[in-house]
Amino acid sequence: LKREAKANLTEMQSSINACEADERAEQKKMIALLESMQKRITELESKASNYKQKLIDQRVITMTDTLTKLPNRMAYEEKVENEFVKANSRNTLLCMALVDIDHFKRINDKYGHSVGDKTLQIIASQIKKNLAPSDFIARWGGEEFIILLPNSDLDESFARLEKMREKVANLPFMFKGARVSVTVSIGLIDARQSLSVDAAFESVDKLLYHAKQDGRNQTIMHTHVKDA
């Protein structure tokens, strides 16, 4: 009986040892599988992150003017809709300005388009430098730039734009060895006075036209858009 019992105990121990070995083997397989799955998840997350960044980079390129590196008209159209809704729903301030480089065609005709391009880049940089971080500027097209000034009333916006205009006029442009003064004309409105984004642009465009017709190198604003 002792021998039989001992044999049974030995067999049971061997069986237990075998089960434990199988369990350890299964555990190792499970750990290896989990590690493999985690590695795959990490790889997928990395790919998704890279893809997302590529989409962001592509969107930035699509919304940027290649010459001045400012936002382009597409970016403006998206931005102005948001700002217009925000200003009307929250009853916050919003001014709009349209800036045009005076006699720009003369610069291109007399000194060449490369000089004209460089002039655009310098003036774009100067305008942006004199805006608040919350302001938005985009190249509208040609030699025109459009500016949105949220949280700023007409008087404050006028003072800031006049300061910027004077700094542009004092830039030391040298074309073919000669000092040339390059100026800008500006129209400025309270955008909240307009019923729509298109109406606001038409109003500010009219004021810019008046600024150019009245001698250029000035900012013209009007508190009542309908009278512009």
Protein backbone atom coordinates (compact mmCIF):
# COMPACT_ATOMS: atom_id res chain seq x y z
CA LEU A 1 0.00 0.00 0.00
CA LYS A 2 2.87 2.34 0.83
CA ARG A 3 4.49 1.69 -2.51
CA GLU A 4 1.21 2.19 -4.33
CA ALA A 5 0.46 5.37 -2.39
CA LYS A 6 3.97 6.66 -3.07
CA ALA A 7 3.58 5.88 -6.75
CA ASN A 8 0.25 7.70 -6.82
CA LEU A 9 1.76 10.71 -5.04
CA THR A 10 4.67 10.73 -7.49
CA GLU A 11 2.26 10.54 -10.41
CA MET A 12 0.13 13.33 -8.94
CA GLN A 13 3.20 15.50 -8.40
CA SER A 14 4.33 14.89 -11.95
CA SER A 15 0.86 15.80 -13.16
CA ILE A 16 0.87 18.95 -11.04
CA ASN A 17 4.32 19.88 -12.32
CA ALA A 18 3.17 19.29 -15.89
CA CYS A 19 0.09 21.46 -15.35
CA GLU A 20 2.21 24.21 -13.83
CA ALA A 21 4.61 24.01 -16.77
CA ASP A 22 1.68 24.21 -19.19
CA GLU A 23 0.30 27.22 -17.29
CA ARG A 24 3.66 28.97 -17.39
CA ALA A 25 3.93 28.27 -21.09
CA GLU A 26 0.41 29.64 -21.66
CA GLN A 27 1.23 32.68 -19.56
CA LYS A 28 4.36 33.33 -21.64
CA LYS A 29 2.30 32.99 -24.82
CA MET A 30 -0.34 35.38 -23.46
CA ILE A 31 2.29 37.90 -22.37
CA ALA A 32 3.99 37.66 -25.77
CA LEU A 33 0.61 38.14 -27.50
CA LEU A 34 -0.25 41.16 -25.34
CA GLU A 35 3.18 42.69 -25.97
CA SER A 36 2.74 42.11 -29.69
CA MET A 37 -0.73 43.71 -29.60
CA GLN A 38 0.58 46.70 -27.63
CA LYS A 39 3.40 47.15 -30.11
CA ARG A 40 0.92 47.04 -32.99
CA ILE A 41 -1.37 49.55 -31.24
CA THR A 42 1.60 51.87 -30.69
CA GLU A 43 2.55 51.57 -34.37
CA LEU A 44 -1.02 52.33 -35.46
CA GLU A 45 -1.23 55.31 -33.09
CA SER A 46 2.05 56.62 -34.48
CA LYS A 47 0.82 56.21 -38.06
CA ALA A 48 -2.46 57.92 -37.19
CA SER A 49 -0.59 60.78 -35.53
CA ASN A 50 1.69 61.19 -38.55
CA TYR A 51 -1.30 61.09 -40.90
CA LYS A 52 -3.11 63.69 -38.79
CA GLN A 53 -0.05 65.94 -38.82
CA LYS A 54 0.22 65.58 -42.60
CA LEU A 55 -3.41 66.64 -42.92
CA ILE A 56 -2.75 69.65 -40.68
CA ASP A 57 0.37 70.57 -42.68
CA GLN A 58 -1.54 70.24 -45.95
CA ARG A 59 -4.35 72.43 -44.61
CA VAL A 60 -1.84 75.08 -43.57
CA ILE A 61 -0.33 75.03 -47.07
CA THR A 62 -3.79 75.29 -48.65
CA MET A 63 -4.69 78.27 -46.45
CA THR A 64 -1.40 80.17 -46.91
CA ASP A 65 -0.43 82.70 -49.57
CA THR A 66 2.80 81.42 -51.08
CA LEU A 67 4.39 84.86 -51.62
CA THR A 68 3.69 86.72 -48.37
CA LYS A 69 3.20 83.66 -46.12
CA LEU A 70 0.05 85.32 -44.81
CA PRO A 71 -3.30 83.51 -44.72
CA ASN A 72 -4.95 83.62 -48.15
CA ARG A 73 -8.50 84.46 -49.20
CA MET A 74 -9.73 80.95 -48.46
CA ALA A 75 -8.46 81.27 -44.89
CA TYR A 76 -10.07 84.71 -44.61
CA GLU A 77 -13.45 83.47 -45.79
CA GLU A 78 -13.44 80.77 -43.14
CA LYS A 79 -12.22 83.13 -40.42
CA VAL A 80 -14.59 86.01 -41.18
CA GLU A 81 -17.67 83.79 -41.00
CA ASN A 82 -16.66 82.61 -37.53
CA GLU A 83 -15.81 86.12 -36.32
CA PHE A 84 -19.00 87.59 -37.76
CA VAL A 85 -21.17 84.99 -36.00
CA LYS A 86 -19.24 85.44 -32.76
CA ALA A 87 -19.54 89.24 -32.80
CA ASN A 88 -23.28 89.14 -33.45
CA SER A 89 -24.15 86.31 -31.05
CA ARG A 90 -22.02 87.63 -28.19
CA ASN A 91 -22.42 91.32 -29.01
CA THR A 92 -18.64 91.82 -29.11
CA LEU A 93 -16.65 94.34 -31.13
CA LEU A 94 -15.42 93.59 -34.63
CA CYS A 95 -13.83 96.00 -37.11
CA MET A 96 -12.76 95.25 -40.67
CA ALA A 97 -10.09 97.04 -42.70
CA LEU A 98 -9.03 96.79 -46.33
CA VAL A 99 -5.49 97.89 -47.17
CA ASP A 100 -4.20 98.67 -50.67
CA ILE A 101 -0.64 99.56 -51.71
CA ASP A 102 -0.70 102.89 -53.53
CA HIS A 103 0.52 102.99 -57.15
CA PHE A 104 1.70 99.39 -56.96
CA LYS A 105 1.40 98.91 -60.71
CA ARG A 106 3.99 101.67 -61.19
CA ILE A 107 6.47 99.72 -59.07
CA ASN A 108 5.97 96.59 -61.17
CA ASP A 109 6.16 98.51 -64.45
CA LYS A 110 9.20 100.60 -63.51
CA TYR A 111 11.29 98.21 -61.43
CA GLY A 112 10.05 94.74 -62.39
CA HIS A 113 7.84 92.11 -60.83
CA SER A 114 10.59 90.70 -58.61
CA VAL A 115 10.86 94.11 -56.92
CA GLY A 116 7.09 94.24 -56.70
CA ASP A 117 7.03 90.82 -55.04
CA LYS A 118 9.67 91.87 -52.51
CA THR A 119 7.69 95.04 -51.78
CA LEU A 120 4.59 92.96 -51.10
CA GLN A 121 6.52 90.73 -48.72
CA ILE A 122 8.01 93.64 -46.77
CA ILE A 123 4.73 95.50 -46.44
CA ALA A 124 2.86 92.33 -45.46
CA SER A 125 5.42 91.73 -42.72
CA GLN A 126 5.21 95.36 -41.55
CA ILE A 127 1.41 95.27 -41.34
CA LYS A 128 1.39 92.00 -39.41
CA LYS A 129 4.06 93.30 -37.03
CA ASN A 130 1.83 96.22 -36.05
CA LEU A 131 -1.29 94.16 -35.36
CA ALA A 132 -2.42 92.66 -32.06
CA PRO A 133 -2.11 88.88 -31.56
CA SER A 134 -5.90 88.57 -31.72
CA ASP A 135 -6.10 90.41 -35.06
CA PHE A 136 -6.23 88.55 -38.35
CA ILE A 137 -4.69 89.57 -41.67
CA ALA A 138 -4.94 87.86 -45.03
CA ARG A 139 -3.81 88.67 -48.53
CA TRP A 140 -7.03 89.40 -50.36
CA GLY A 141 -5.35 89.39 -53.75
CA GLY A 142 -2.94 91.47 -55.80
CA GLU A 143 -1.74 94.32 -53.59
CA GLU A 144 -4.71 94.23 -51.20
CA PHE A 145 -4.81 92.92 -47.64
CA ILE A 146 -7.86 92.45 -45.43
CA ILE A 147 -7.74 92.75 -41.66
CA LEU A 148 -10.17 91.68 -38.93
CA LEU A 149 -9.85 93.45 -35.59
CA PRO A 150 -11.98 91.72 -32.94
CA ASN A 151 -12.50 93.33 -29.53
CA SER A 152 -11.49 96.70 -30.95
CA ASP A 153 -13.78 99.68 -31.59
CA LEU A 154 -13.44 102.07 -34.52
CA ASP A 155 -11.37 104.68 -32.69
CA GLU A 156 -8.89 102.17 -31.34
CA SER A 157 -8.66 100.38 -34.69
CA PHE A 158 -8.20 103.69 -36.49
CA ALA A 159 -5.34 104.72 -34.18
CA ARG A 160 -3.55 101.41 -34.64
CA LEU A 161 -3.99 101.37 -38.42
CA GLU A 162 -2.79 104.96 -38.71
CA LYS A 163 0.33 104.07 -36.75
CA MET A 164 0.92 101.12 -39.06
CA ARG A 165 0.29 103.26 -42.17
CA GLU A 166 2.87 105.83 -41.05
CA LYS A 167 5.45 103.13 -40.39
CA VAL A 168 4.91 101.71 -43.88
CA ALA A 169 5.36 105.19 -45.40
CA ASN A 170 8.68 105.52 -43.55
CA LEU A 171 10.13 102.21 -44.71
CA PRO A 172 13.50 102.80 -46.42
CA PHE A 173 12.74 101.29 -49.82
CA MET A 174 15.66 101.56 -52.24
CA PHE A 175 14.88 100.85 -55.88
CA LYS A 176 17.82 101.03 -58.30
CA GLY A 177 19.77 103.12 -55.83
CA ALA A 178 17.00 105.64 -55.25
CA ARG A 179 14.94 106.06 -52.09
CA VAL A 180 11.26 105.45 -52.89
CA SER A 181 8.33 106.04 -50.57
CA VAL A 182 5.68 103.31 -50.69
CA THR A 183 2.36 104.13 -49.05
CA VAL A 184 -0.93 102.40 -48.39
CA SER A 185 -4.57 103.48 -48.35
CA ILE A 186 -7.01 101.96 -45.87
CA GLY A 187 -10.77 101.66 -45.49
CA LEU A 188 -12.11 100.85 -42.02
CA ILE A 189 -15.59 99.89 -40.80
CA ASP A 190 -17.44 98.56 -37.80
CA ALA A 191 -18.39 95.18 -39.29
CA ARG A 192 -21.32 94.75 -36.90
CA GLN A 193 -23.17 97.51 -38.73
CA SER A 194 -23.46 95.21 -41.75
CA LEU A 195 -26.12 92.58 -42.24
CA SER A 196 -23.74 90.08 -43.82
CA VAL A 197 -20.08 89.38 -44.51
CA ASP A 198 -20.52 90.35 -48.16
CA ALA A 199 -22.19 93.62 -47.20
CA ALA A 200 -19.35 94.39 -44.80
CA PHE A 201 -16.78 93.85 -47.53
CA GLU A 202 -18.66 96.05 -49.98
CA SER A 203 -18.74 98.82 -47.39
CA VAL A 204 -15.06 98.65 -46.52
CA ASP A 205 -14.20 98.44 -50.21
CA LYS A 206 -16.13 101.70 -50.81
CA LEU A 207 -14.20 103.43 -48.04
CA LEU A 208 -10.91 102.22 -49.49
CA TYR A 209 -12.00 103.66 -52.86
CA HIS A 210 -12.71 107.01 -51.18
CA ALA A 211 -9.30 106.93 -49.49
CA LYS A 212 -7.60 106.44 -52.85
CA GLN A 213 -9.74 109.01 -54.64
CA ASP A 214 -9.09 111.60 -51.91
CA GLY A 215 -5.31 111.46 -52.30
CA ARG A 216 -4.17 108.05 -50.98
CA ASN A 217 -1.85 107.39 -48.02
CA GLN A 218 -4.67 107.71 -45.50
CA THR A 219 -7.22 105.76 -43.48
CA ILE A 220 -10.91 106.52 -43.93
CA MET A 221 -13.48 105.15 -41.50
CA HIS A 222 -17.17 105.64 -41.04
CA THR A 223 -19.30 104.88 -38.01
CA HIS A 224 -22.34 104.22 -40.19
CA VAL A 225 -21.62 101.86 -43.03
CA LYS A 226 -24.81 102.66 -44.88
CA ASP A 227 -23.51 106.20 -45.46
CA ALA A 228 -20.13 105.05 -46.78
